């Protein structure tokens, strides 16, 4: 079997099948994966599962390359049955040609029910000085960030539990947007023990959670689990405020566009 990702804390026991799919098991260790303390359909769970299972399966197929950087550009997820707890196993399938970063994931619980289905696409940067390439964008964001304090919405209004962090500002019913801010302090360990990442930028897990928090403010309730999709157009910088514009607001769905420094960065649609 090809070399697997050496630091994967979540997906394991990868087996490449004759048809090219990859079967794997999902860790139940909440100490190694603190986000497993959250409900199975929580955005942090769905997005973190998507990352580690896709990375694990792709590594099992192709081996792990230290000089290869990847970026998720689009993801769609469809929620299934969460009544029997977190996923215990899954199946990964490529989408497209052998060198494509498109993938399908199905995750199943201990009773065999599908917890979530995920379809994602991305891009790869090989042998690129990622840190040097990103330096100019991060410097622009740093210079443009105002020093005034950002006011976050109350935890109770957002329905947050102990280790969750607020990313959105208070919302008024006549507003057409929700202001947002993810920093290294509230978005990554140790300040936020539930969300990981490279620490270079706001990642897909943050974006999905931002949209969930905004949805709760706009609808005035915290009991909505959502399927949905996201398109990532530009890197969103840590420590720099953004604006989540409401592009649609229906009885069973809501659409957002996230802007930062006046530039469109991501489109997010949630449906329930």
C-alpha atoms as a PDB file:
ATOM      1  CA  UNK A   1       0.000   0.000   0.000  1.00  0.00           C
ATOM      2  CA  UNK A   2       1.210   3.560  -0.723  1.00  0.00           C
ATOM      3  CA  UNK A   3       2.497   5.710   2.101  1.00  0.00           C
ATOM      4  CA  UNK A   4      -0.275   7.370   4.101  1.00  0.00           C
ATOM      5  CA  UNK A   5      -0.295  10.847   5.629  1.00  0.00           C
ATOM      6  CA  UNK A   6       1.981  10.576   8.679  1.00  0.00           C
ATOM      7  CA  UNK A   7       0.052  12.935  10.962  1.00  0.00           C
ATOM      8  CA  UNK A   8      -3.569  11.990  10.288  1.00  0.00           C
ATOM      9  CA  UNK A   9      -5.356  11.818  13.676  1.00  0.00           C
ATOM     10  CA  UNK A  10      -8.762  10.811  12.360  1.00  0.00           C
ATOM     11  CA  UNK A  11      -8.969   8.407   9.397  1.00  0.00           C
ATOM     12  CA  UNK A  12      -7.027   5.154   9.534  1.00  0.00           C
ATOM     13  CA  UNK A  13      -6.867   1.540   8.292  1.00  0.00           C
ATOM     14  CA  UNK A  14      -7.127   2.658   4.674  1.00  0.00           C
ATOM     15  CA  UNK A  15      -7.726  -0.133   2.183  1.00  0.00           C
ATOM     16  CA  UNK A  16      -7.540   0.508  -1.563  1.00  0.00           C
ATOM     17  CA  UNK A  17     -10.254  -1.532  -3.261  1.00  0.00           C
ATOM     18  CA  UNK A  18     -10.056  -3.168  -6.701  1.00  0.00           C
ATOM     19  CA  UNK A  19     -12.355  -0.502  -8.142  1.00  0.00           C
ATOM     20  CA  UNK A  20     -10.047   2.304  -6.962  1.00  0.00           C
ATOM     21  CA  UNK A  21     -12.185   3.412  -4.033  1.00  0.00           C
ATOM     22  CA  UNK A  22     -10.666   3.615  -0.565  1.00  0.00           C
ATOM     23  CA  UNK A  23     -12.355   2.213   2.543  1.00  0.00           C
ATOM     24  CA  UNK A  24     -11.230   3.510   5.920  1.00  0.00           C
ATOM     25  CA  UNK A  25     -12.112   3.664   9.586  1.00  0.00           C
ATOM     26  CA  UNK A  26     -12.824   6.806  11.596  1.00  0.00           C
ATOM     27  CA  UNK A  27     -11.269   7.458  14.983  1.00  0.00           C
ATOM     28  CA  UNK A  28     -13.556   7.820  18.006  1.00  0.00           C
ATOM     29  CA  UNK A  29     -10.762   9.349  20.120  1.00  0.00           C
ATOM     30  CA  UNK A  30     -12.020  12.729  21.345  1.00  0.00           C
ATOM     31  CA  UNK A  31      -8.700  13.480  23.039  1.00  0.00           C
ATOM     32  CA  UNK A  32      -6.882  13.360  19.701  1.00  0.00           C
ATOM     33  CA  UNK A  33      -9.879  14.945  17.926  1.00  0.00           C
ATOM     34  CA  UNK A  34     -11.620  17.349  20.372  1.00  0.00           C
ATOM     35  CA  UNK A  35     -14.195  18.298  17.733  1.00  0.00           C
ATOM     36  CA  UNK A  36     -15.750  14.844  18.201  1.00  0.00           C
ATOM     37  CA  UNK A  37     -17.369  16.281  21.337  1.00  0.00           C
ATOM     38  CA  UNK A  38     -19.661  18.256  19.011  1.00  0.00           C
ATOM     39  CA  UNK A  39     -22.821  16.797  17.376  1.00  0.00           C
ATOM     40  CA  UNK A  40     -22.283  14.728  14.183  1.00  0.00           C
ATOM     41  CA  UNK A  41     -23.790  17.366  11.889  1.00  0.00           C
ATOM     42  CA  UNK A  42     -21.943  20.351  13.332  1.00  0.00           C
ATOM     43  CA  UNK A  43     -20.021  22.337  10.654  1.00  0.00           C
ATOM     44  CA  UNK A  44     -16.707  21.845  12.469  1.00  0.00           C
ATOM     45  CA  UNK A  45     -17.267  18.079  12.399  1.00  0.00           C
ATOM     46  CA  UNK A  46     -18.320  17.918   8.729  1.00  0.00           C
ATOM     47  CA  UNK A  47     -15.475  20.072   7.437  1.00  0.00           C
ATOM     48  CA  UNK A  48     -12.777  18.472   9.598  1.00  0.00           C
ATOM     49  CA  UNK A  49     -13.955  15.019   8.564  1.00  0.00           C
ATOM     50  CA  UNK A  50     -13.860  16.089   4.933  1.00  0.00           C
ATOM     51  CA  UNK A  51     -10.260  17.275   5.209  1.00  0.00           C
ATOM     52  CA  UNK A  52      -8.717  14.363   7.095  1.00  0.00           C
ATOM     53  CA  UNK A  53     -10.605  11.616   5.281  1.00  0.00           C
ATOM     54  CA  UNK A  54      -9.826  13.068   1.846  1.00  0.00           C
ATOM     55  CA  UNK A  55      -6.175  13.610   2.765  1.00  0.00           C
ATOM     56  CA  UNK A  56      -5.922  10.118   4.223  1.00  0.00           C
ATOM     57  CA  UNK A  57      -7.521   8.381   1.252  1.00  0.00           C
ATOM     58  CA  UNK A  58      -5.577  10.389  -1.338  1.00  0.00           C
ATOM     59  CA  UNK A  59      -2.342   9.635   0.511  1.00  0.00           C
ATOM     60  CA  UNK A  60      -3.186   5.934   0.550  1.00  0.00           C
ATOM     61  CA  UNK A  61      -3.656   6.054  -3.225  1.00  0.00           C
ATOM     62  CA  UNK A  62      -0.773   8.303  -4.195  1.00  0.00           C
ATOM     63  CA  UNK A  63       1.574   8.549  -1.232  1.00  0.00           C
ATOM     64  CA  UNK A  64       2.261  11.695   0.788  1.00  0.00           C
ATOM     65  CA  UNK A  65       4.306  14.449  -0.886  1.00  0.00           C
ATOM     66  CA  UNK A  66       5.827  17.085   1.412  1.00  0.00           C
ATOM     67  CA  UNK A  67       6.321  19.473  -1.518  1.00  0.00           C
ATOM     68  CA  UNK A  68       2.661  19.424  -2.534  1.00  0.00           C
ATOM     69  CA  UNK A  69       0.262  22.090  -1.198  1.00  0.00           C
ATOM     70  CA  UNK A  70      -3.453  21.734  -1.821  1.00  0.00           C
ATOM     71  CA  UNK A  71      -6.402  24.122  -1.513  1.00  0.00           C
ATOM     72  CA  UNK A  72     -10.107  23.308  -1.410  1.00  0.00           C
ATOM     73  CA  UNK A  73     -12.046  25.384  -3.935  1.00  0.00           C
ATOM     74  CA  UNK A  74     -15.562  23.899  -3.735  1.00  0.00           C
ATOM     75  CA  UNK A  75     -17.449  21.579  -1.420  1.00  0.00           C
ATOM     76  CA  UNK A  76     -21.024  20.293  -1.197  1.00  0.00           C
ATOM     77  CA  UNK A  77     -22.328  18.256   1.716  1.00  0.00           C
ATOM     78  CA  UNK A  78     -25.634  16.434   2.248  1.00  0.00           C
ATOM     79  CA  UNK A  79     -26.599  15.485   5.783  1.00  0.00           C
ATOM     80  CA  UNK A  80     -27.931  12.035   6.570  1.00  0.00           C
ATOM     81  CA  UNK A  81     -28.746  10.257   9.840  1.00  0.00           C
ATOM     82  CA  UNK A  82     -27.110  11.578  13.012  1.00  0.00           C
ATOM     83  CA  UNK A  83     -29.237   9.597  15.492  1.00  0.00           C
ATOM     84  CA  UNK A  84     -26.625   6.877  16.128  1.00  0.00           C
ATOM     85  CA  UNK A  85     -23.665   9.183  16.678  1.00  0.00           C
ATOM     86  CA  UNK A  86     -20.491   9.949  14.782  1.00  0.00           C
ATOM     87  CA  UNK A  87     -19.193   8.184  11.698  1.00  0.00           C
ATOM     88  CA  UNK A  88     -17.155   5.034  12.327  1.00  0.00           C
ATOM     89  CA  UNK A  89     -16.135   4.263   8.733  1.00  0.00           C
ATOM     90  CA  UNK A  90     -16.209   5.716   5.257  1.00  0.00           C
ATOM     91  CA  UNK A  91     -15.609   5.283   1.537  1.00  0.00           C
ATOM     92  CA  UNK A  92     -13.653   7.651  -0.716  1.00  0.00           C
ATOM     93  CA  UNK A  93     -13.977   7.834  -4.492  1.00  0.00           C
ATOM     94  CA  UNK A  94     -12.136  10.044  -6.956  1.00  0.00           C
ATOM     95  CA  UNK A  95     -14.110  12.408  -9.156  1.00  0.00           C
ATOM     96  CA  UNK A  96     -12.619  12.724 -12.628  1.00  0.00           C
ATOM     97  CA  UNK A  97      -9.200  11.868 -13.987  1.00  0.00           C
ATOM     98  CA  UNK A  98      -6.358  10.307 -11.996  1.00  0.00           C
ATOM     99  CA  UNK A  99      -4.720  13.691 -11.335  1.00  0.00           C
ATOM    100  CA  UNK A 100      -7.948  15.406 -10.329  1.00  0.00           C
ATOM    101  CA  UNK A 101      -8.439  16.639  -6.779  1.00  0.00           C
ATOM    102  CA  UNK A 102     -12.176  16.032  -6.996  1.00  0.00           C
ATOM    103  CA  UNK A 103     -13.597  13.448  -4.609  1.00  0.00           C
ATOM    104  CA  UNK A 104     -16.738  11.884  -3.162  1.00  0.00           C
ATOM    105  CA  UNK A 105     -16.976  10.789   0.479  1.00  0.00           C
ATOM    106  CA  UNK A 106     -19.655   8.769   2.239  1.00  0.00           C
ATOM    107  CA  UNK A 107     -19.396   8.434   6.024  1.00  0.00           C
ATOM    108  CA  UNK A 108     -21.390   5.817   7.957  1.00  0.00           C
ATOM    109  CA  UNK A 109     -22.210   5.331  11.640  1.00  0.00           C
ATOM    110  CA  UNK A 110     -21.984   2.128  13.701  1.00  0.00           C
ATOM    111  CA  UNK A 111     -25.433   1.034  12.517  1.00  0.00           C
ATOM    112  CA  UNK A 112     -24.489   1.408   8.848  1.00  0.00           C
ATOM    113  CA  UNK A 113     -26.566   4.546   8.264  1.00  0.00           C
ATOM    114  CA  UNK A 114     -25.035   7.329   6.175  1.00  0.00           C
ATOM    115  CA  UNK A 115     -24.171  10.315   8.391  1.00  0.00           C
ATOM    116  CA  UNK A 116     -23.055  12.662   5.610  1.00  0.00           C
ATOM    117  CA  UNK A 117     -22.130  12.628   1.918  1.00  0.00           C
ATOM    118  CA  UNK A 118     -19.468  15.062   0.717  1.00  0.00           C
ATOM    119  CA  UNK A 119     -18.366  16.105  -2.759  1.00  0.00           C
ATOM    120  CA  UNK A 120     -15.291  18.318  -3.019  1.00  0.00           C
ATOM    121  CA  UNK A 121     -12.856  19.783  -5.521  1.00  0.00           C
ATOM    122  CA  UNK A 122      -9.513  21.485  -5.120  1.00  0.00           C
ATOM    123  CA  UNK A 123      -6.250  22.561  -6.697  1.00  0.00           C
ATOM    124  CA  UNK A 124      -2.649  21.534  -6.096  1.00  0.00           C
ATOM    125  CA  UNK A 125       0.521  23.633  -5.912  1.00  0.00           C
ATOM    126  CA  UNK A 126       3.649  21.546  -6.398  1.00  0.00           C
ATOM    127  CA  UNK A 127       7.108  22.591  -5.241  1.00  0.00           C
ATOM    128  CA  UNK A 128       5.954  26.127  -4.544  1.00  0.00           C
ATOM    129  CA  UNK A 129       7.266  28.485  -1.868  1.00  0.00           C
ATOM    130  CA  UNK A 130       3.842  28.827  -0.288  1.00  0.00           C
ATOM    131  CA  UNK A 131       4.941  31.087   2.560  1.00  0.00           C
ATOM    132  CA  UNK A 132       6.697  33.551   0.229  1.00  0.00           C
ATOM    133  CA  UNK A 133       3.777  33.532  -2.205  1.00  0.00           C
ATOM    134  CA  UNK A 134       1.294  34.338   0.567  1.00  0.00           C
ATOM    135  CA  UNK A 135       3.437  37.012   2.258  1.00  0.00           C
ATOM    136  CA  UNK A 136       2.201  39.960   0.176  1.00  0.00           C
ATOM    137  CA  UNK A 137      -1.493  39.166   0.748  1.00  0.00           C
ATOM    138  CA  UNK A 138      -1.021  38.811   4.489  1.00  0.00           C
ATOM    139  CA  UNK A 139       0.918  42.069   4.633  1.00  0.00           C
ATOM    140  CA  UNK A 140      -1.844  43.887   2.747  1.00  0.00           C
ATOM    141  CA  UNK A 141      -4.422  42.542   5.182  1.00  0.00           C
ATOM    142  CA  UNK A 142      -2.330  43.539   8.187  1.00  0.00           C
ATOM    143  CA  UNK A 143      -1.925  47.137   6.962  1.00  0.00           C
ATOM    144  CA  UNK A 144      -5.637  47.447   6.142  1.00  0.00           C
ATOM    145  CA  UNK A 145      -6.903  46.175   9.482  1.00  0.00           C
ATOM    146  CA  UNK A 146      -8.204  48.870  11.787  1.00  0.00           C
ATOM    147  CA  UNK A 147      -7.129  48.724  15.410  1.00  0.00           C
ATOM    148  CA  UNK A 148     -10.634  49.330  16.784  1.00  0.00           C
ATOM    149  CA  UNK A 149     -12.141  46.488  18.806  1.00  0.00           C
ATOM    150  CA  UNK A 150     -14.538  44.060  17.121  1.00  0.00           C
ATOM    151  CA  UNK A 151     -17.756  43.334  19.021  1.00  0.00           C
ATOM    152  CA  UNK A 152     -18.868  39.705  18.859  1.00  0.00           C
ATOM    153  CA  UNK A 153     -22.413  38.458  19.223  1.00  0.00           C
ATOM    154  CA  UNK A 154     -23.354  36.855  22.545  1.00  0.00           C
ATOM    155  CA  UNK A 155     -22.640  33.166  23.041  1.00  0.00           C
ATOM    156  CA  UNK A 156     -26.187  32.453  24.217  1.00  0.00           C
ATOM    157  CA  UNK A 157     -27.714  33.938  21.054  1.00  0.00           C
ATOM    158  CA  UNK A 158     -25.446  31.715  18.975  1.00  0.00           C
ATOM    159  CA  UNK A 159     -26.116  28.608  21.065  1.00  0.00           C
ATOM    160  CA  UNK A 160     -22.408  27.971  21.613  1.00  0.00           C
ATOM    161  CA  UNK A 161     -21.143  25.298  23.978  1.00  0.00           C
ATOM    162  CA  UNK A 162     -18.054  25.446  26.214  1.00  0.00           C
ATOM    163  CA  UNK A 163     -15.187  25.311  23.700  1.00  0.00           C
ATOM    164  CA  UNK A 164     -16.897  27.011  20.749  1.00  0.00           C
ATOM    165  CA  UNK A 165     -15.974  30.580  19.793  1.00  0.00           C
ATOM    166  CA  UNK A 166     -18.048  33.393  18.292  1.00  0.00           C
ATOM    167  CA  UNK A 167     -16.959  34.684  14.875  1.00  0.00           C
ATOM    168  CA  UNK A 168     -19.819  37.079  14.051  1.00  0.00           C
ATOM    169  CA  UNK A 169     -20.945  40.520  15.191  1.00  0.00           C
ATOM    170  CA  UNK A 170     -24.478  41.288  16.417  1.00  0.00           C
ATOM    171  CA  UNK A 171     -27.118  41.477  13.709  1.00  0.00           C
ATOM    172  CA  UNK A 172     -30.014  43.881  13.215  1.00  0.00           C
ATOM    173  CA  UNK A 173     -33.089  42.637  11.363  1.00  0.00           C
ATOM    174  CA  UNK A 174     -32.863  45.423   8.758  1.00  0.00           C
ATOM    175  CA  UNK A 175     -29.223  44.664   7.931  1.00  0.00           C
ATOM    176  CA  UNK A 176     -28.180  43.065   4.646  1.00  0.00           C
ATOM    177  CA  UNK A 177     -24.996  41.588   6.093  1.00  0.00           C
ATOM    178  CA  UNK A 178     -23.248  40.151   9.143  1.00  0.00           C
ATOM    179  CA  UNK A 179     -19.738  41.332  10.024  1.00  0.00           C
ATOM    180  CA  UNK A 180     -17.231  38.594  10.873  1.00  0.00           C
ATOM    181  CA  UNK A 181     -13.723  38.256  12.288  1.00  0.00           C
ATOM    182  CA  UNK A 182     -11.602  35.136  12.765  1.00  0.00           C
ATOM    183  CA  UNK A 183      -8.248  35.596  14.483  1.00  0.00           C
ATOM    184  CA  UNK A 184      -5.485  33.212  15.498  1.00  0.00           C
ATOM    185  CA  UNK A 185      -6.693  33.711  19.083  1.00  0.00           C
ATOM    186  CA  UNK A 186     -10.342  32.699  18.566  1.00  0.00           C
ATOM    187  CA  UNK A 187      -9.967  30.524  15.486  1.00  0.00           C
ATOM    188  CA  UNK A 188      -7.092  28.162  16.238  1.00  0.00           C
ATOM    189  CA  UNK A 189      -5.604  26.232  19.182  1.00  0.00           C
ATOM    190  CA  UNK A 190      -5.033  26.833  21.987  1.00  0.00           C
ATOM    191  CA  UNK A 191      -7.691  29.561  22.082  1.00  0.00           C
ATOM    192  CA  UNK A 192     -10.031  27.444  20.001  1.00  0.00           C
ATOM    193  CA  UNK A 193      -9.365  23.759  20.732  1.00  0.00           C
ATOM    194  CA  UNK A 194     -11.978  22.543  18.234  1.00  0.00           C
ATOM    195  CA  UNK A 195     -10.669  23.932  14.927  1.00  0.00           C
ATOM    196  CA  UNK A 196      -7.262  23.164  13.459  1.00  0.00           C
ATOM    197  CA  UNK A 197      -5.540  24.170  10.260  1.00  0.00           C
ATOM    198  CA  UNK A 198      -2.280  25.488   8.878  1.00  0.00           C
ATOM    199  CA  UNK A 199      -2.618  28.790  10.736  1.00  0.00           C
ATOM    200  CA  UNK A 200      -1.949  30.612   7.477  1.00  0.00           C
ATOM    201  CA  UNK A 201      -5.539  31.642   6.690  1.00  0.00           C
ATOM    202  CA  UNK A 202      -9.223  31.246   7.517  1.00  0.00           C
ATOM    203  CA  UNK A 203     -10.119  27.756   6.304  1.00  0.00           C
ATOM    204  CA  UNK A 204     -13.286  25.998   5.132  1.00  0.00           C
ATOM    205  CA  UNK A 205     -14.171  24.917   8.662  1.00  0.00           C
ATOM    206  CA  UNK A 206     -14.216  28.547   9.803  1.00  0.00           C
ATOM    207  CA  UNK A 207     -16.280  29.583   6.777  1.00  0.00           C
ATOM    208  CA  UNK A 208     -18.932  26.917   7.366  1.00  0.00           C
ATOM    209  CA  UNK A 209     -19.148  27.835  11.058  1.00  0.00           C
ATOM    210  CA  UNK A 210     -19.357  31.563  10.244  1.00  0.00           C
ATOM    211  CA  UNK A 211     -22.331  30.849   7.988  1.00  0.00           C
ATOM    212  CA  UNK A 212     -24.017  28.715  10.671  1.00  0.00           C
ATOM    213  CA  UNK A 213     -23.643  31.452  13.277  1.00  0.00           C
ATOM    214  CA  UNK A 214     -24.981  34.082  10.869  1.00  0.00           C
ATOM    215  CA  UNK A 215     -27.938  31.831  10.028  1.00  0.00           C
ATOM    216  CA  UNK A 216     -28.807  31.508  13.718  1.00  0.00           C
ATOM    217  CA  UNK A 217     -28.750  35.287  14.160  1.00  0.00           C
ATOM    218  CA  UNK A 218     -30.869  35.950  11.080  1.00  0.00           C
ATOM    219  CA  UNK A 219     -33.463  33.247  11.783  1.00  0.00           C
ATOM    220  CA  UNK A 220     -33.476  33.801  15.553  1.00  0.00           C
ATOM    221  CA  UNK A 221     -33.058  30.101  16.384  1.00  0.00           C
ATOM    222  CA  UNK A 222     -30.174  27.699  17.028  1.00  0.00           C
ATOM    223  CA  UNK A 223     -31.676  24.311  16.165  1.00  0.00           C
ATOM    224  CA  UNK A 224     -31.074  24.166  12.404  1.00  0.00           C
ATOM    225  CA  UNK A 225     -28.728  21.563  10.870  1.00  0.00           C
ATOM    226  CA  UNK A 226     -27.845  22.355   7.283  1.00  0.00           C
ATOM    227  CA  UNK A 227     -26.655  20.722   4.120  1.00  0.00           C
ATOM    228  CA  UNK A 228     -25.084  23.122   1.658  1.00  0.00           C
ATOM    229  CA  UNK A 229     -22.193  24.129  -0.549  1.00  0.00           C
ATOM    230  CA  UNK A 230     -19.288  26.567  -0.546  1.00  0.00           C
ATOM    231  CA  UNK A 231     -17.147  28.016  -3.319  1.00  0.00           C
ATOM    232  CA  UNK A 232     -13.793  29.453  -2.240  1.00  0.00           C
ATOM    233  CA  UNK A 233     -12.407  32.136  -4.576  1.00  0.00           C
ATOM    234  CA  UNK A 234      -9.704  33.886  -2.552  1.00  0.00           C
ATOM    235  CA  UNK A 235      -7.850  33.222   0.683  1.00  0.00           C
ATOM    236  CA  UNK A 236      -9.521  34.850   3.693  1.00  0.00           C
ATOM    237  CA  UNK A 237      -6.938  36.351   6.023  1.00  0.00           C
ATOM    238  CA  UNK A 238      -6.833  35.787   9.770  1.00  0.00           C
ATOM    239  CA  UNK A 239      -7.175  38.881  11.954  1.00  0.00           C
ATOM    240  CA  UNK A 240      -8.886  40.969   9.273  1.00  0.00           C
ATOM    241  CA  UNK A 241     -12.647  41.704   9.451  1.00  0.00           C
ATOM    242  CA  UNK A 242     -14.917  40.523   6.676  1.00  0.00           C
ATOM    243  CA  UNK A 243     -18.520  41.061   5.686  1.00  0.00           C
ATOM    244  CA  UNK A 244     -20.967  38.228   5.063  1.00  0.00           C
ATOM    245  CA  UNK A 245     -23.539  39.632   2.639  1.00  0.00           C
ATOM    246  CA  UNK A 246     -26.973  38.001   2.536  1.00  0.00           C
ATOM    247  CA  UNK A 247     -27.666  37.110  -1.116  1.00  0.00           C
ATOM    248  CA  UNK A 248     -30.863  35.114  -0.549  1.00  0.00           C
ATOM    249  CA  UNK A 249     -33.089  34.306   2.415  1.00  0.00           C
ATOM    250  CA  UNK A 250     -35.782  31.670   1.885  1.00  0.00           C
ATOM    251  CA  UNK A 251     -37.874  29.449   4.155  1.00  0.00           C
ATOM    252  CA  UNK A 252     -35.539  26.476   3.619  1.00  0.00           C
ATOM    253  CA  UNK A 253     -32.245  28.023   2.472  1.00  0.00           C
ATOM    254  CA  UNK A 254     -29.996  31.048   2.796  1.00  0.00           C
ATOM    255  CA  UNK A 255     -27.171  32.356   0.643  1.00  0.00           C
ATOM    256  CA  UNK A 256     -24.116  34.413   1.565  1.00  0.00           C
ATOM    257  CA  UNK A 257     -21.136  36.043  -0.107  1.00  0.00           C
ATOM    258  CA  UNK A 258     -18.117  36.736   2.069  1.00  0.00           C
ATOM    259  CA  UNK A 259     -16.084  39.844   1.250  1.00  0.00           C
ATOM    260  CA  UNK A 260     -12.802  40.949   2.790  1.00  0.00           C
ATOM    261  CA  UNK A 261     -10.945  44.165   1.931  1.00  0.00           C
ATOM    262  CA  UNK A 262     -13.632  44.830  -0.688  1.00  0.00           C
ATOM    263  CA  UNK A 263     -12.943  41.598  -2.580  1.00  0.00           C
ATOM    264  CA  UNK A 264     -15.325  38.611  -2.940  1.00  0.00           C
ATOM    265  CA  UNK A 265     -13.719  35.589  -1.268  1.00  0.00           C
ATOM    266  CA  UNK A 266     -16.370  32.894  -0.889  1.00  0.00           C
ATOM    267  CA  UNK A 267     -19.974  31.979  -1.672  1.00  0.00           C
ATOM    268  CA  UNK A 268     -21.899  29.867   0.825  1.00  0.00           C
ATOM    269  CA  UNK A 269     -25.385  28.372   0.553  1.00  0.00           C
ATOM    270  CA  UNK A 270     -27.029  26.553   3.459  1.00  0.00           C
ATOM    271  CA  UNK A 271     -30.183  24.456   3.029  1.00  0.00           C
ATOM    272  CA  UNK A 272     -32.348  22.515   5.451  1.00  0.00           C
END
